[in-house]
Amino acid sequence: MPKFATERIKVISCRQEFDQLFIDGAGQLDIFENDLKGTTYQSEFKTLLTYMEYLGNNKSLPKTKFRDITPKGEKIKEYEFKS
């Protein structure tokens, strides 16, 4: 059976905590970032991390960059970042 855990994303330094999902010890965000190496999307990934840090320091972003996508009735919030 897989083991799940979360850990704070260390490259984002802000008041709000952002966590990464680990499955069997493998960080899913780290895997995604490694898959982007050598592609044109690597800089966009860094931009998204910057947006997360900006928002985590209580700044606002336009809806074209960040929005709440939580389905009605759900207690756990879901957000979308765009670059």
Protein backbone atom coordinates (compact mmCIF):
# COMPACT_ATOMS: atom_id res chain seq x y z
CA MET A 1 0.00 0.00 0.00
CA PRO A 2 1.42 3.44 -0.91
CA LYS A 3 2.48 5.82 1.87
CA PHE A 4 1.41 9.44 1.58
CA ALA A 5 2.89 12.48 3.32
CA THR A 6 3.16 16.23 2.84
CA GLU A 7 6.11 18.52 3.42
CA ARG A 8 6.51 22.26 3.17
CA ILE A 9 7.90 23.50 -0.16
CA LYS A 10 11.22 25.03 0.90
CA VAL A 11 11.82 27.20 -2.19
CA ILE A 12 8.68 29.23 -1.39
CA SER A 13 9.43 31.63 1.45
CA CYS A 14 6.25 33.30 2.70
CA ARG A 15 3.72 33.53 5.52
CA GLN A 16 1.31 31.02 3.97
CA GLU A 17 2.47 27.42 3.96
CA PHE A 18 2.54 25.51 0.67
CA ASP A 19 2.97 21.74 0.90
CA GLN A 20 4.19 19.14 -1.56
CA LEU A 21 2.64 15.68 -1.75
CA PHE A 22 5.00 12.74 -1.26
CA ILE A 23 4.01 9.25 -2.41
CA ASP A 24 6.33 6.50 -1.16
CA GLY A 25 8.97 9.13 -0.39
CA ALA A 26 8.91 10.73 -3.86
CA GLY A 27 7.95 14.42 -3.98
CA GLN A 28 5.41 14.87 -6.75
CA LEU A 29 6.35 18.52 -7.36
CA ASP A 30 10.03 17.55 -7.55
CA ILE A 31 9.24 14.85 -10.12
CA PHE A 32 7.21 17.32 -12.16
CA GLU A 33 10.02 19.89 -12.04
CA ASN A 34 12.60 17.28 -13.13
CA ASP A 35 10.37 16.32 -16.07
CA LEU A 36 10.41 19.97 -17.21
CA LYS A 37 14.22 20.27 -17.30
CA GLY A 38 15.47 21.13 -20.76
CA THR A 39 12.04 22.29 -21.96
CA THR A 40 10.62 25.74 -22.59
CA TYR A 41 8.24 25.23 -19.65
CA GLN A 42 10.95 25.31 -16.98
CA SER A 43 10.84 29.13 -16.75
CA GLU A 44 7.03 29.07 -16.54
CA PHE A 45 7.24 26.65 -13.61
CA LYS A 46 9.54 29.10 -11.78
CA THR A 47 7.04 31.87 -12.55
CA LEU A 48 4.26 29.83 -10.93
CA LEU A 49 6.39 29.33 -7.80
CA THR A 50 6.93 33.11 -7.71
CA TYR A 51 3.17 33.68 -7.96
CA MET A 52 2.63 31.26 -5.08
CA GLU A 53 5.18 33.11 -2.94
CA TYR A 54 3.65 36.47 -3.87
CA LEU A 55 0.18 35.29 -2.90
CA GLY A 56 1.53 33.64 0.25
CA ASN A 57 2.73 37.05 1.42
CA ASN A 58 -0.86 38.38 1.30
CA LYS A 59 -0.54 40.13 -2.05
CA SER A 60 -3.23 39.78 -4.68
CA LEU A 61 -3.05 38.44 -8.21
CA PRO A 62 -5.50 39.02 -11.09
CA LYS A 63 -7.98 36.26 -11.96
CA THR A 64 -5.99 35.61 -15.13
CA LYS A 65 -3.11 34.37 -12.91
CA PHE A 66 -4.89 32.88 -9.88
CA ARG A 67 -8.43 31.81 -9.03
CA ASP A 68 -10.43 29.67 -6.64
CA ILE A 69 -11.75 26.53 -8.38
CA THR A 70 -13.26 24.83 -5.33
CA PRO A 71 -16.46 22.94 -6.24
CA LYS A 72 -19.57 24.07 -4.36
CA GLY A 73 -20.06 22.29 -1.06
CA GLU A 74 -16.43 21.19 -0.71
CA LYS A 75 -14.60 22.04 2.51
CA ILE A 76 -11.07 21.74 1.13
CA LYS A 77 -10.13 24.70 -1.05
CA GLU A 78 -8.63 24.22 -4.52
CA TYR A 79 -6.83 26.91 -6.49
CA GLU A 80 -5.49 27.32 -10.00
CA PHE A 81 -2.35 29.24 -10.94
CA LYS A 82 -1.65 30.24 -14.56
CA SER A 83 1.37 31.71 -16.26
